[in-house]
Amino acid sequence: PEHYAPQYGGYCAYGTAEGHKAPTQPQAFTVVD
């Protein structure tokens, strides 16, 4: 599960970078490393 689970619990990665939780939409994704 650690491999497949989205980073930051599936909350918005950009929002997390900005310091807050935000919901996400399924088509707005990237797979990096």
PDB file of all heavy atoms in Angstrom:
ATOM      1  N   PRO A   1       0.806  -1.230   0.000  1.00  0.00           N
ATOM      2  CA  PRO A   1       0.000   0.000   0.000  1.00  0.00           C
ATOM      3  C   PRO A   1       0.838   1.280   0.000  1.00  0.00           C
ATOM      4  O   PRO A   1       0.431   2.276  -0.596  1.00  0.00           O
ATOM      5  CB  PRO A   1      -0.837  -0.111   1.269  1.00  0.00           C
ATOM      6  CG  PRO A   1      -0.115  -1.095   2.132  1.00  0.00           C
ATOM      7  CD  PRO A   1       0.587  -2.032   1.202  1.00  0.00           C
ATOM      8  N   GLU A   2       1.996   1.263   0.610  1.00  0.00           N
ATOM      9  CA  GLU A   2       2.849   2.460   0.629  1.00  0.00           C
ATOM     10  C   GLU A   2       3.268   2.866  -0.785  1.00  0.00           C
ATOM     11  O   GLU A   2       3.470   4.039  -1.068  1.00  0.00           O
ATOM     12  CB  GLU A   2       4.087   2.234   1.496  1.00  0.00           C
ATOM     13  CG  GLU A   2       3.787   2.142   2.980  1.00  0.00           C
ATOM     14  CD  GLU A   2       3.291   3.449   3.574  1.00  0.00           C
ATOM     15  OE1 GLU A   2       3.798   4.520   3.188  1.00  0.00           O
ATOM     16  OE2 GLU A   2       2.403   3.395   4.435  1.00  0.00           O
ATOM     17  N   HIS A   3       3.404   1.897  -1.660  1.00  0.00           N
ATOM     18  CA  HIS A   3       3.791   2.191  -3.047  1.00  0.00           C
ATOM     19  C   HIS A   3       2.636   2.839  -3.817  1.00  0.00           C
ATOM     20  O   HIS A   3       2.831   3.821  -4.527  1.00  0.00           O
ATOM     21  CB  HIS A   3       4.229   0.912  -3.764  1.00  0.00           C
ATOM     22  CG  HIS A   3       4.423   1.091  -5.233  1.00  0.00           C
ATOM     23  ND1 HIS A   3       5.516   1.731  -5.766  1.00  0.00           N
ATOM     24  CD2 HIS A   3       3.640   0.754  -6.288  1.00  0.00           C
ATOM     25  CE1 HIS A   3       5.409   1.759  -7.081  1.00  0.00           C
ATOM     26  NE2 HIS A   3       4.283   1.179  -7.427  1.00  0.00           N
ATOM     27  N   TYR A   4       1.432   2.286  -3.667  1.00  0.00           N
ATOM     28  CA  TYR A   4       0.304   2.717  -4.493  1.00  0.00           C
ATOM     29  C   TYR A   4      -0.524   3.853  -3.903  1.00  0.00           C
ATOM     30  O   TYR A   4      -1.160   4.590  -4.649  1.00  0.00           O
ATOM     31  CB  TYR A   4      -0.615   1.527  -4.780  1.00  0.00           C
ATOM     32  CG  TYR A   4       0.020   0.487  -5.666  1.00  0.00           C
ATOM     33  CD1 TYR A   4       0.404  -0.746  -5.164  1.00  0.00           C
ATOM     34  CD2 TYR A   4       0.241   0.745  -7.015  1.00  0.00           C
ATOM     35  CE1 TYR A   4       0.996  -1.704  -5.981  1.00  0.00           C
ATOM     36  CE2 TYR A   4       0.836  -0.200  -7.842  1.00  0.00           C
ATOM     37  CZ  TYR A   4       1.208  -1.416  -7.312  1.00  0.00           C
ATOM     38  OH  TYR A   4       1.794  -2.353  -8.119  1.00  0.00           O
ATOM     39  N   ALA A   5      -0.549   3.964  -2.595  1.00  0.00           N
ATOM     40  CA  ALA A   5      -1.368   5.012  -1.976  1.00  0.00           C
ATOM     41  C   ALA A   5      -0.861   6.383  -2.417  1.00  0.00           C
ATOM     42  O   ALA A   5       0.350   6.607  -2.525  1.00  0.00           O
ATOM     43  CB  ALA A   5      -1.314   4.895  -0.461  1.00  0.00           C
ATOM     44  N   PRO A   6      -1.767   7.301  -2.688  1.00  0.00           N
ATOM     45  CA  PRO A   6      -1.322   8.637  -3.100  1.00  0.00           C
ATOM     46  C   PRO A   6      -0.577   9.332  -1.965  1.00  0.00           C
ATOM     47  O   PRO A   6      -0.853   9.104  -0.787  1.00  0.00           O
ATOM     48  CB  PRO A   6      -2.626   9.358  -3.438  1.00  0.00           C
ATOM     49  CG  PRO A   6      -3.675   8.627  -2.693  1.00  0.00           C
ATOM     50  CD  PRO A   6      -3.219   7.205  -2.588  1.00  0.00           C
ATOM     51  N   GLN A   7       0.355  10.155  -2.350  1.00  0.00           N
ATOM     52  CA  GLN A   7       1.116  10.925  -1.382  1.00  0.00           C
ATOM     53  C   GLN A   7       0.187  11.885  -0.643  1.00  0.00           C
ATOM     54  O   GLN A   7      -0.834  12.307  -1.174  1.00  0.00           O
ATOM     55  CB  GLN A   7       2.236  11.695  -2.083  1.00  0.00           C
ATOM     56  CG  GLN A   7       3.218  10.792  -2.813  1.00  0.00           C
ATOM     57  CD  GLN A   7       3.895   9.805  -1.883  1.00  0.00           C
ATOM     58  OE1 GLN A   7       4.666  10.178  -1.017  1.00  0.00           O
ATOM     59  NE2 GLN A   7       3.581   8.532  -2.068  1.00  0.00           N
ATOM     60  N   TYR A   8       0.546  12.195   0.582  1.00  0.00           N
ATOM     61  CA  TYR A   8      -0.193  13.146   1.416  1.00  0.00           C
ATOM     62  C   TYR A   8      -1.642  12.709   1.604  1.00  0.00           C
ATOM     63  O   TYR A   8      -2.555  13.524   1.665  1.00  0.00           O
ATOM     64  CB  TYR A   8      -0.099  14.576   0.863  1.00  0.00           C
ATOM     65  CG  TYR A   8       1.283  14.874   0.317  1.00  0.00           C
ATOM     66  CD1 TYR A   8       1.473  15.222  -1.012  1.00  0.00           C
ATOM     67  CD2 TYR A   8       2.407  14.752   1.141  1.00  0.00           C
ATOM     68  CE1 TYR A   8       2.740  15.450  -1.522  1.00  0.00           C
ATOM     69  CE2 TYR A   8       3.685  14.970   0.628  1.00  0.00           C
ATOM     70  CZ  TYR A   8       3.844  15.321  -0.696  1.00  0.00           C
ATOM     71  OH  TYR A   8       5.099  15.528  -1.209  1.00  0.00           O
ATOM     72  N   GLY A   9      -1.831  11.388   1.671  1.00  0.00           N
ATOM     73  CA  GLY A   9      -3.156  10.841   1.951  1.00  0.00           C
ATOM     74  C   GLY A   9      -4.179  11.077   0.858  1.00  0.00           C
ATOM     75  O   GLY A   9      -5.367  10.890   1.065  1.00  0.00           O
ATOM     76  N   GLY A  10      -3.740  11.500  -0.308  1.00  0.00           N
ATOM     77  CA  GLY A  10      -4.675  11.784  -1.395  1.00  0.00           C
ATOM     78  C   GLY A  10      -5.195  13.211  -1.372  1.00  0.00           C
ATOM     79  O   GLY A  10      -5.998  13.599  -2.229  1.00  0.00           O
ATOM     80  N   TYR A  11      -4.733  14.012  -0.402  1.00  0.00           N
ATOM     81  CA  TYR A  11      -5.069  15.442  -0.412  1.00  0.00           C
ATOM     82  C   TYR A  11      -4.218  16.117  -1.491  1.00  0.00           C
ATOM     83  O   TYR A  11      -3.216  15.574  -1.955  1.00  0.00           O
ATOM     84  CB  TYR A  11      -4.785  16.073   0.954  1.00  0.00           C
ATOM     85  CG  TYR A  11      -5.762  15.646   2.016  1.00  0.00           C
ATOM     86  CD1 TYR A  11      -5.438  14.655   2.933  1.00  0.00           C
ATOM     87  CD2 TYR A  11      -7.031  16.221   2.088  1.00  0.00           C
ATOM     88  CE1 TYR A  11      -6.343  14.248   3.899  1.00  0.00           C
ATOM     89  CE2 TYR A  11      -7.939  15.822   3.052  1.00  0.00           C
ATOM     90  CZ  TYR A  11      -7.591  14.837   3.957  1.00  0.00           C
ATOM     91  OH  TYR A  11      -8.489  14.439   4.899  1.00  0.00           O
ATOM     92  N   CYS A  12      -4.606  17.301  -1.859  1.00  0.00           N
ATOM     93  CA  CYS A  12      -3.924  18.039  -2.910  1.00  0.00           C
ATOM     94  C   CYS A  12      -2.439  18.235  -2.569  1.00  0.00           C
ATOM     95  O   CYS A  12      -2.106  18.801  -1.515  1.00  0.00           O
ATOM     96  CB  CYS A  12      -4.595  19.395  -3.113  1.00  0.00           C
ATOM     97  SG  CYS A  12      -3.787  20.425  -4.364  1.00  0.00           S
ATOM     98  N   ALA A  13      -1.580  17.775  -3.469  1.00  0.00           N
ATOM     99  CA  ALA A  13      -0.136  17.883  -3.254  1.00  0.00           C
ATOM    100  C   ALA A  13       0.299  19.352  -3.211  1.00  0.00           C
ATOM    101  O   ALA A  13       1.128  19.737  -2.380  1.00  0.00           O
ATOM    102  CB  ALA A  13       0.602  17.121  -4.343  1.00  0.00           C
ATOM    103  N   TYR A  14      -0.266  20.167  -4.084  1.00  0.00           N
ATOM    104  CA  TYR A  14       0.066  21.591  -4.086  1.00  0.00           C
ATOM    105  C   TYR A  14      -0.423  22.249  -2.784  1.00  0.00           C
ATOM    106  O   TYR A  14       0.295  23.036  -2.177  1.00  0.00           O
ATOM    107  CB  TYR A  14      -0.540  22.293  -5.299  1.00  0.00           C
ATOM    108  CG  TYR A  14      -0.312  23.789  -5.298  1.00  0.00           C
ATOM    109  CD1 TYR A  14       0.915  24.312  -5.674  1.00  0.00           C
ATOM    110  CD2 TYR A  14      -1.313  24.665  -4.903  1.00  0.00           C
ATOM    111  CE1 TYR A  14       1.144  25.680  -5.663  1.00  0.00           C
ATOM    112  CE2 TYR A  14      -1.101  26.031  -4.885  1.00  0.00           C
ATOM    113  CZ  TYR A  14       0.128  26.531  -5.258  1.00  0.00           C
ATOM    114  OH  TYR A  14       0.348  27.889  -5.230  1.00  0.00           O
ATOM    115  N   GLY A  15      -1.633  21.918  -2.377  1.00  0.00           N
ATOM    116  CA  GLY A  15      -2.157  22.453  -1.113  1.00  0.00           C
ATOM    117  C   GLY A  15      -1.264  22.082   0.057  1.00  0.00           C
ATOM    118  O   GLY A  15      -1.001  22.908   0.937  1.00  0.00           O
ATOM    119  N   THR A  16      -0.785  20.848   0.071  1.00  0.00           N
ATOM    120  CA  THR A  16       0.117  20.410   1.129  1.00  0.00           C
ATOM    121  C   THR A  16       1.401  21.234   1.094  1.00  0.00           C
ATOM    122  O   THR A  16       1.899  21.656   2.133  1.00  0.00           O
ATOM    123  CB  THR A  16       0.418  18.903   0.994  1.00  0.00           C
ATOM    124  OG1 THR A  16      -0.815  18.181   1.058  1.00  0.00           O
ATOM    125  CG2 THR A  16       1.338  18.421   2.110  1.00  0.00           C
ATOM    126  N   ALA A  17       1.922  21.490  -0.097  1.00  0.00           N
ATOM    127  CA  ALA A  17       3.115  22.332  -0.231  1.00  0.00           C
ATOM    128  C   ALA A  17       2.859  23.735   0.305  1.00  0.00           C
ATOM    129  O   ALA A  17       3.755  24.371   0.859  1.00  0.00           O
ATOM    130  CB  ALA A  17       3.559  22.396  -1.689  1.00  0.00           C
ATOM    131  N   GLU A  18       1.617  24.204   0.162  1.00  0.00           N
ATOM    132  CA  GLU A  18       1.244  25.528   0.644  1.00  0.00           C
ATOM    133  C   GLU A  18       0.841  25.525   2.122  1.00  0.00           C
ATOM    134  O   GLU A  18       0.570  26.577   2.692  1.00  0.00           O
ATOM    135  CB  GLU A  18       0.095  26.091  -0.201  1.00  0.00           C
ATOM    136  CG  GLU A  18       0.509  26.379  -1.641  1.00  0.00           C
ATOM    137  CD  GLU A  18       1.553  27.488  -1.729  1.00  0.00           C
ATOM    138  OE1 GLU A  18       1.280  28.601  -1.248  1.00  0.00           O
ATOM    139  OE2 GLU A  18       2.651  27.224  -2.267  1.00  0.00           O
ATOM    140  N   GLY A  19       0.767  24.328   2.725  1.00  0.00           N
ATOM    141  CA  GLY A  19       0.525  24.236   4.161  1.00  0.00           C
ATOM    142  C   GLY A  19      -0.900  23.942   4.587  1.00  0.00           C
ATOM    143  O   GLY A  19      -1.253  24.162   5.741  1.00  0.00           O
ATOM    144  N   HIS A  20      -1.742  23.424   3.699  1.00  0.00           N
ATOM    145  CA  HIS A  20      -3.126  23.133   4.070  1.00  0.00           C
ATOM    146  C   HIS A  20      -3.663  21.933   3.292  1.00  0.00           C
ATOM    147  O   HIS A  20      -3.158  21.593   2.220  1.00  0.00           O
ATOM    148  CB  HIS A  20      -4.026  24.344   3.837  1.00  0.00           C
ATOM    149  CG  HIS A  20      -4.088  24.758   2.399  1.00  0.00           C
ATOM    150  ND1 HIS A  20      -5.000  24.232   1.501  1.00  0.00           N
ATOM    151  CD2 HIS A  20      -3.334  25.626   1.680  1.00  0.00           C
ATOM    152  CE1 HIS A  20      -4.808  24.763   0.307  1.00  0.00           C
ATOM    153  NE2 HIS A  20      -3.800  25.619   0.389  1.00  0.00           N
ATOM    154  N   LYS A  21      -4.698  21.325   3.851  1.00  0.00           N
ATOM    155  CA  LYS A  21      -5.390  20.229   3.166  1.00  0.00           C
ATOM    156  C   LYS A  21      -6.393  20.800   2.178  1.00  0.00           C
ATOM    157  O   LYS A  21      -7.049  21.800   2.456  1.00  0.00           O
ATOM    158  CB  LYS A  21      -6.155  19.350   4.166  1.00  0.00           C
ATOM    159  CG  LYS A  21      -5.274  18.424   4.947  1.00  0.00           C
ATOM    160  CD  LYS A  21      -6.105  17.542   5.863  1.00  0.00           C
ATOM    161  CE  LYS A  21      -5.220  16.571   6.604  1.00  0.00           C
ATOM    162  NZ  LYS A  21      -5.973  15.813   7.609  1.00  0.00           N
ATOM    163  N   ALA A  22      -6.497  20.122   1.036  1.00  0.00           N
ATOM    164  CA  ALA A  22      -7.505  20.480   0.038  1.00  0.00           C
ATOM    165  C   ALA A  22      -7.953  19.189  -0.643  1.00  0.00           C
ATOM    166  O   ALA A  22      -7.157  18.258  -0.797  1.00  0.00           O
ATOM    167  CB  ALA A  22      -6.937  21.459  -0.980  1.00  0.00           C
ATOM    168  N   PRO A  23      -9.215  19.115  -1.047  1.00  0.00           N
ATOM    169  CA  PRO A  23      -9.703  17.923  -1.756  1.00  0.00           C
ATOM    170  C   PRO A  23      -9.048  17.818  -3.132  1.00  0.00           C
ATOM    171  O   PRO A  23      -8.340  18.734  -3.569  1.00  0.00           O
ATOM    172  CB  PRO A  23     -11.207  18.167  -1.872  1.00  0.00           C
ATOM    173  CG  PRO A  23     -11.367  19.645  -1.772  1.00  0.00           C
ATOM    174  CD  PRO A  23     -10.241  20.144  -0.907  1.00  0.00           C
ATOM    175  N   THR A  24      -9.290  16.726  -3.799  1.00  0.00           N
ATOM    176  CA  THR A  24      -8.677  16.494  -5.109  1.00  0.00           C
ATOM    177  C   THR A  24      -9.700  15.999  -6.113  1.00  0.00           C
ATOM    178  O   THR A  24     -10.759  15.494  -5.745  1.00  0.00           O
ATOM    179  CB  THR A  24      -7.541  15.465  -5.008  1.00  0.00           C
ATOM    180  OG1 THR A  24      -8.028  14.271  -4.386  1.00  0.00           O
ATOM    181  CG2 THR A  24      -6.375  16.002  -4.210  1.00  0.00           C
ATOM    182  N   GLN A  25      -9.350  16.152  -7.382  1.00  0.00           N
ATOM    183  CA  GLN A  25     -10.135  15.604  -8.478  1.00  0.00           C
ATOM    184  C   GLN A  25      -9.305  14.519  -9.155  1.00  0.00           C
ATOM    185  O   GLN A  25      -8.083  14.680  -9.317  1.00  0.00           O
ATOM    186  CB  GLN A  25     -10.507  16.704  -9.479  1.00  0.00           C
ATOM    187  CG  GLN A  25     -11.460  17.718  -8.884  1.00  0.00           C
ATOM    188  CD  GLN A  25     -11.858  18.789  -9.888  1.00  0.00           C
ATOM    189  OE1 GLN A  25     -11.360  18.864 -11.002  1.00  0.00           O
ATOM    190  NE2 GLN A  25     -12.771  19.650  -9.461  1.00  0.00           N
ATOM    191  N   PRO A  26      -9.932  13.422  -9.548  1.00  0.00           N
ATOM    192  CA  PRO A  26      -9.180  12.263 -10.037  1.00  0.00           C
ATOM    193  C   PRO A  26      -8.343  12.504 -11.288  1.00  0.00           C
ATOM    194  O   PRO A  26      -7.294  11.889 -11.461  1.00  0.00           O
ATOM    195  CB  PRO A  26     -10.258  11.214 -10.287  1.00  0.00           C
ATOM    196  CG  PRO A  26     -11.545  11.951 -10.337  1.00  0.00           C
ATOM    197  CD  PRO A  26     -11.374  13.195  -9.538  1.00  0.00           C
ATOM    198  N   GLN A  27      -8.762  13.389 -12.176  1.00  0.00           N
ATOM    199  CA  GLN A  27      -8.018  13.606 -13.412  1.00  0.00           C
ATOM    200  C   GLN A  27      -6.801  14.511 -13.214  1.00  0.00           C
ATOM    201  O   GLN A  27      -5.937  14.592 -14.087  1.00  0.00           O
ATOM    202  CB  GLN A  27      -8.924  14.180 -14.510  1.00  0.00           C
ATOM    203  CG  GLN A  27      -9.168  15.672 -14.438  1.00  0.00           C
ATOM    204  CD  GLN A  27     -10.078  16.143 -13.313  1.00  0.00           C
ATOM    205  OE1 GLN A  27     -10.723  15.347 -12.639  1.00  0.00           O
ATOM    206  NE2 GLN A  27     -10.136  17.445 -13.098  1.00  0.00           N
ATOM    207  N   ALA A  28      -6.718  15.189 -12.072  1.00  0.00           N
ATOM    208  CA  ALA A  28      -5.617  16.120 -11.800  1.00  0.00           C
ATOM    209  C   ALA A  28      -4.517  15.382 -11.036  1.00  0.00           C
ATOM    210  O   ALA A  28      -4.382  15.501  -9.826  1.00  0.00           O
ATOM    211  CB  ALA A  28      -6.133  17.322 -11.014  1.00  0.00           C
ATOM    212  N   PHE A  29      -3.734  14.602 -11.767  1.00  0.00           N
ATOM    213  CA  PHE A  29      -2.726  13.765 -11.121  1.00  0.00           C
ATOM    214  C   PHE A  29      -1.408  13.779 -11.880  1.00  0.00           C
ATOM    215  O   PHE A  29      -1.349  14.121 -13.056  1.00  0.00           O
ATOM    216  CB  PHE A  29      -3.229  12.319 -11.015  1.00  0.00           C
ATOM    217  CG  PHE A  29      -3.130  11.544 -12.305  1.00  0.00           C
ATOM    218  CD1 PHE A  29      -2.048  10.703 -12.545  1.00  0.00           C
ATOM    219  CD2 PHE A  29      -4.098  11.664 -13.294  1.00  0.00           C
ATOM    220  CE1 PHE A  29      -1.942  10.001 -13.736  1.00  0.00           C
ATOM    221  CE2 PHE A  29      -4.009  10.958 -14.488  1.00  0.00           C
ATOM    222  CZ  PHE A  29      -2.920  10.124 -14.716  1.00  0.00           C
ATOM    223  N   THR A  30      -0.367  13.381 -11.168  1.00  0.00           N
ATOM    224  CA  THR A  30       0.926  13.081 -11.774  1.00  0.00           C
ATOM    225  C   THR A  30       1.507  11.885 -11.036  1.00  0.00           C
ATOM    226  O   THR A  30       1.225  11.675  -9.857  1.00  0.00           O
ATOM    227  CB  THR A  30       1.930  14.251 -11.683  1.00  0.00           C
ATOM    228  OG1 THR A  30       2.021  14.668 -10.324  1.00  0.00           O
ATOM    229  CG2 THR A  30       1.546  15.414 -12.540  1.00  0.00           C
ATOM    230  N   VAL A  31       2.306  11.114 -11.767  1.00  0.00           N
ATOM    231  CA  VAL A  31       3.107  10.066 -11.152  1.00  0.00           C
ATOM    232  C   VAL A  31       4.548  10.486 -11.362  1.00  0.00           C
ATOM    233  O   VAL A  31       4.986  10.672 -12.498  1.00  0.00           O
ATOM    234  CB  VAL A  31       2.828   8.681 -11.775  1.00  0.00           C
ATOM    235  CG1 VAL A  31       3.772   7.632 -11.197  1.00  0.00           C
ATOM    236  CG2 VAL A  31       1.372   8.269 -11.537  1.00  0.00           C
ATOM    237  N   VAL A  32       5.259  10.701 -10.262  1.00  0.00           N
ATOM    238  CA  VAL A  32       6.635  11.173 -10.300  1.00  0.00           C
ATOM    239  C   VAL A  32       7.482  10.241  -9.446  1.00  0.00           C
ATOM    240  O   VAL A  32       7.146   9.993  -8.281  1.00  0.00           O
ATOM    241  CB  VAL A  32       6.744  12.622  -9.761  1.00  0.00           C
ATOM    242  CG1 VAL A  32       8.184  13.108  -9.774  1.00  0.00           C
ATOM    243  CG2 VAL A  32       5.843  13.561 -10.530  1.00  0.00           C
ATOM    244  N   ASP A  33       8.554   9.735 -10.018  1.00  0.00           N
ATOM    245  CA  ASP A  33       9.433   8.808  -9.300  1.00  0.00           C
ATOM    246  C   ASP A  33       8.639   7.682  -8.655  1.00  0.00           C
ATOM    247  O   ASP A  33       8.862   7.318  -7.496  1.00  0.00           O
ATOM    248  CB  ASP A  33      10.274   9.549  -8.256  1.00  0.00           C
ATOM    249  CG  ASP A  33      11.258  10.519  -8.886  1.00  0.00           C
ATOM    250  OD1 ASP A  33      11.710  10.262 -10.016  1.00  0.00           O
ATOM    251  OD2 ASP A  33      11.558  11.544  -8.246  1.00  0.00           O
TER     252      ASP A  33
END
